[in-house]
Amino acid sequence: MTTKETIARLRERIAALVTAASPVDVVVWRHPGESEAEAIERYTRQHPDIAPTPRASVAFHVVSWESPT
């Protein structure tokens, strides 16, 4: 399975979980210089299928290659 196929499969799975109102864990990569809140806002803007979901059912985990300051 290629990387693109894996990503597509995971996107479909996340969308199915969100539609079913199941709790969902989402990992968001934070860009350099971006705060955690900005990363989550960018992610929800780029993935509107997650945005309308009640935030209580989505657990965002923000990760980065940068060391925390």
N, C-alpha and C. Protein backbone atom coordinates (compact mmCIF):
# COMPACT_ATOMS: atom_id res chain seq x y z
N MET A 1 0.85 -1.17 0.00
CA MET A 1 0.00 0.00 0.00
C MET A 1 0.91 1.24 0.00
N THR A 2 0.60 2.17 -0.90
CA THR A 2 1.41 3.39 -0.98
C THR A 2 1.02 4.36 0.13
N THR A 3 1.86 5.36 0.33
CA THR A 3 1.59 6.37 1.35
C THR A 3 0.28 7.08 1.06
N LYS A 4 0.05 7.44 -0.19
CA LYS A 4 -1.19 8.13 -0.55
C LYS A 4 -2.41 7.26 -0.28
N GLU A 5 -2.30 5.98 -0.55
CA GLU A 5 -3.42 5.07 -0.29
C GLU A 5 -3.68 4.96 1.22
N THR A 6 -2.61 4.91 1.99
CA THR A 6 -2.74 4.83 3.45
C THR A 6 -3.41 6.08 3.99
N ILE A 7 -2.97 7.25 3.53
CA ILE A 7 -3.57 8.51 3.97
C ILE A 7 -5.04 8.57 3.59
N ALA A 8 -5.36 8.17 2.37
CA ALA A 8 -6.77 8.17 1.92
C ALA A 8 -7.61 7.24 2.79
N ARG A 9 -7.07 6.07 3.11
CA ARG A 9 -7.81 5.11 3.94
C ARG A 9 -8.04 5.67 5.33
N LEU A 10 -7.01 6.32 5.90
CA LEU A 10 -7.15 6.89 7.24
C LEU A 10 -8.14 8.06 7.24
N ARG A 11 -8.12 8.88 6.20
CA ARG A 11 -9.10 9.98 6.11
C ARG A 11 -10.52 9.45 6.08
N GLU A 12 -10.73 8.39 5.30
CA GLU A 12 -12.06 7.78 5.24
C GLU A 12 -12.47 7.25 6.61
N ARG A 13 -11.53 6.64 7.30
CA ARG A 13 -11.83 6.08 8.63
C ARG A 13 -12.17 7.18 9.62
N ILE A 14 -11.41 8.27 9.61
CA ILE A 14 -11.69 9.40 10.51
C ILE A 14 -13.07 9.98 10.21
N ALA A 15 -13.37 10.16 8.93
CA ALA A 15 -14.67 10.71 8.54
C ALA A 15 -15.80 9.79 9.01
N ALA A 16 -15.61 8.48 8.91
CA ALA A 16 -16.64 7.54 9.35
C ALA A 16 -16.83 7.62 10.87
N LEU A 17 -15.75 7.74 11.61
CA LEU A 17 -15.85 7.84 13.07
C LEU A 17 -16.54 9.14 13.48
N VAL A 18 -16.20 10.22 12.80
CA VAL A 18 -16.81 11.52 13.11
C VAL A 18 -18.30 11.48 12.82
N THR A 19 -18.67 10.90 11.68
CA THR A 19 -20.08 10.80 11.30
C THR A 19 -20.86 9.98 12.33
N ALA A 20 -20.23 8.96 12.86
CA ALA A 20 -20.88 8.10 13.85
C ALA A 20 -20.86 8.72 15.25
N ALA A 21 -20.28 9.91 15.38
CA ALA A 21 -20.16 10.62 16.65
C ALA A 21 -19.34 9.84 17.68
N SER A 22 -18.42 9.02 17.18
CA SER A 22 -17.50 8.30 18.05
C SER A 22 -16.37 9.24 18.44
N PRO A 23 -15.79 9.06 19.61
CA PRO A 23 -14.62 9.87 19.96
C PRO A 23 -13.49 9.61 18.96
N VAL A 24 -12.83 10.67 18.55
CA VAL A 24 -11.78 10.58 17.54
C VAL A 24 -10.52 11.26 18.06
N ASP A 25 -9.37 10.62 17.88
CA ASP A 25 -8.08 11.24 18.16
C ASP A 25 -7.49 11.70 16.85
N VAL A 26 -7.07 12.97 16.80
CA VAL A 26 -6.48 13.54 15.60
C VAL A 26 -5.10 14.08 15.96
N VAL A 27 -4.09 13.68 15.18
CA VAL A 27 -2.74 14.20 15.38
C VAL A 27 -2.53 15.31 14.37
N VAL A 28 -2.14 16.49 14.85
CA VAL A 28 -1.93 17.66 14.01
C VAL A 28 -0.47 18.06 14.09
N TRP A 29 0.18 18.16 12.93
CA TRP A 29 1.57 18.63 12.91
C TRP A 29 1.58 20.15 13.00
N ARG A 30 2.38 20.67 13.93
CA ARG A 30 2.50 22.12 14.13
C ARG A 30 3.68 22.62 13.30
N HIS A 31 3.43 23.67 12.52
CA HIS A 31 4.49 24.30 11.73
C HIS A 31 5.39 25.13 12.65
N PRO A 32 6.66 25.33 12.27
CA PRO A 32 7.54 26.19 13.09
C PRO A 32 6.93 27.57 13.28
N GLY A 33 6.95 28.05 14.50
CA GLY A 33 6.42 29.37 14.82
C GLY A 33 4.91 29.41 15.00
N GLU A 34 4.25 28.30 14.88
CA GLU A 34 2.79 28.23 15.00
C GLU A 34 2.43 27.73 16.40
N SER A 35 1.43 28.34 17.01
CA SER A 35 0.98 27.88 18.34
C SER A 35 0.11 26.64 18.17
N GLU A 36 -0.16 25.95 19.28
CA GLU A 36 -1.04 24.78 19.23
C GLU A 36 -2.43 25.17 18.75
N ALA A 37 -2.95 26.29 19.25
CA ALA A 37 -4.28 26.75 18.85
C ALA A 37 -4.33 27.06 17.35
N GLU A 38 -3.27 27.68 16.84
CA GLU A 38 -3.21 27.99 15.41
C GLU A 38 -3.15 26.71 14.57
N ALA A 39 -2.43 25.71 15.05
CA ALA A 39 -2.33 24.44 14.32
C ALA A 39 -3.69 23.75 14.25
N ILE A 40 -4.41 23.75 15.36
CA ILE A 40 -5.74 23.12 15.39
C ILE A 40 -6.70 23.89 14.50
N GLU A 41 -6.64 25.21 14.54
CA GLU A 41 -7.51 26.05 13.70
C GLU A 41 -7.22 25.79 12.23
N ARG A 42 -5.95 25.71 11.86
CA ARG A 42 -5.56 25.43 10.48
C ARG A 42 -6.07 24.06 10.06
N TYR A 43 -5.92 23.07 10.93
CA TYR A 43 -6.38 21.72 10.61
C TYR A 43 -7.89 21.69 10.38
N THR A 44 -8.65 22.31 11.26
CA THR A 44 -10.11 22.28 11.11
C THR A 44 -10.55 23.06 9.87
N ARG A 45 -9.81 24.09 9.50
CA ARG A 45 -10.12 24.84 8.27
C ARG A 45 -9.83 23.97 7.04
N GLN A 46 -8.74 23.20 7.09
CA GLN A 46 -8.35 22.36 5.96
C GLN A 46 -9.18 21.07 5.88
N HIS A 47 -9.80 20.68 6.98
CA HIS A 47 -10.58 19.44 7.03
C HIS A 47 -11.98 19.76 7.54
N PRO A 48 -12.82 20.34 6.71
CA PRO A 48 -14.16 20.77 7.16
C PRO A 48 -15.04 19.61 7.63
N ASP A 49 -14.70 18.37 7.27
CA ASP A 49 -15.49 17.23 7.75
C ASP A 49 -15.33 17.04 9.25
N ILE A 50 -14.26 17.56 9.84
CA ILE A 50 -14.02 17.48 11.29
C ILE A 50 -14.64 18.70 11.99
N ALA A 51 -14.58 19.86 11.36
CA ALA A 51 -14.97 21.12 11.99
C ALA A 51 -16.39 21.15 12.56
N PRO A 52 -17.41 20.65 11.87
CA PRO A 52 -18.76 20.76 12.43
C PRO A 52 -19.02 19.84 13.62
N THR A 53 -18.12 18.91 13.85
CA THR A 53 -18.28 17.95 14.93
C THR A 53 -18.10 18.63 16.28
N PRO A 54 -18.89 18.26 17.27
CA PRO A 54 -18.66 18.83 18.60
C PRO A 54 -17.23 18.54 19.06
N ARG A 55 -16.54 19.58 19.51
CA ARG A 55 -15.14 19.44 19.90
C ARG A 55 -14.93 18.40 20.99
N ALA A 56 -15.96 18.14 21.80
CA ALA A 56 -15.82 17.18 22.89
C ALA A 56 -15.54 15.78 22.36
N SER A 57 -15.98 15.48 21.14
CA SER A 57 -15.77 14.14 20.60
C SER A 57 -14.46 14.01 19.82
N VAL A 58 -13.72 15.11 19.67
CA VAL A 58 -12.45 15.08 18.95
C VAL A 58 -11.33 15.48 19.90
N ALA A 59 -10.35 14.60 20.04
CA ALA A 59 -9.17 14.90 20.86
C ALA A 59 -8.02 15.24 19.92
N PHE A 60 -7.57 16.48 19.96
CA PHE A 60 -6.47 16.91 19.12
C PHE A 60 -5.16 16.73 19.86
N HIS A 61 -4.17 16.16 19.18
CA HIS A 61 -2.82 16.00 19.72
C HIS A 61 -1.89 16.74 18.77
N VAL A 62 -1.27 17.82 19.25
CA VAL A 62 -0.42 18.65 18.41
C VAL A 62 1.02 18.21 18.60
N VAL A 63 1.69 17.90 17.50
CA VAL A 63 3.08 17.45 17.55
C VAL A 63 3.94 18.32 16.65
N SER A 64 5.25 18.30 16.92
CA SER A 64 6.18 19.13 16.16
C SER A 64 7.57 18.53 16.26
N TRP A 65 8.40 18.89 15.31
CA TRP A 65 9.81 18.50 15.39
C TRP A 65 10.58 19.45 16.26
N GLU A 66 10.02 20.60 16.56
CA GLU A 66 10.70 21.61 17.37
C GLU A 66 10.67 21.22 18.85
N SER A 67 11.68 21.67 19.57
CA SER A 67 11.67 21.50 21.02
C SER A 67 10.78 22.57 21.64
N PRO A 68 10.04 22.25 22.70
CA PRO A 68 9.22 23.28 23.34
C PRO A 68 10.11 24.36 23.93
N THR A 69 9.60 25.58 23.90
CA THR A 69 10.39 26.70 24.46
C THR A 69 9.94 27.03 25.84
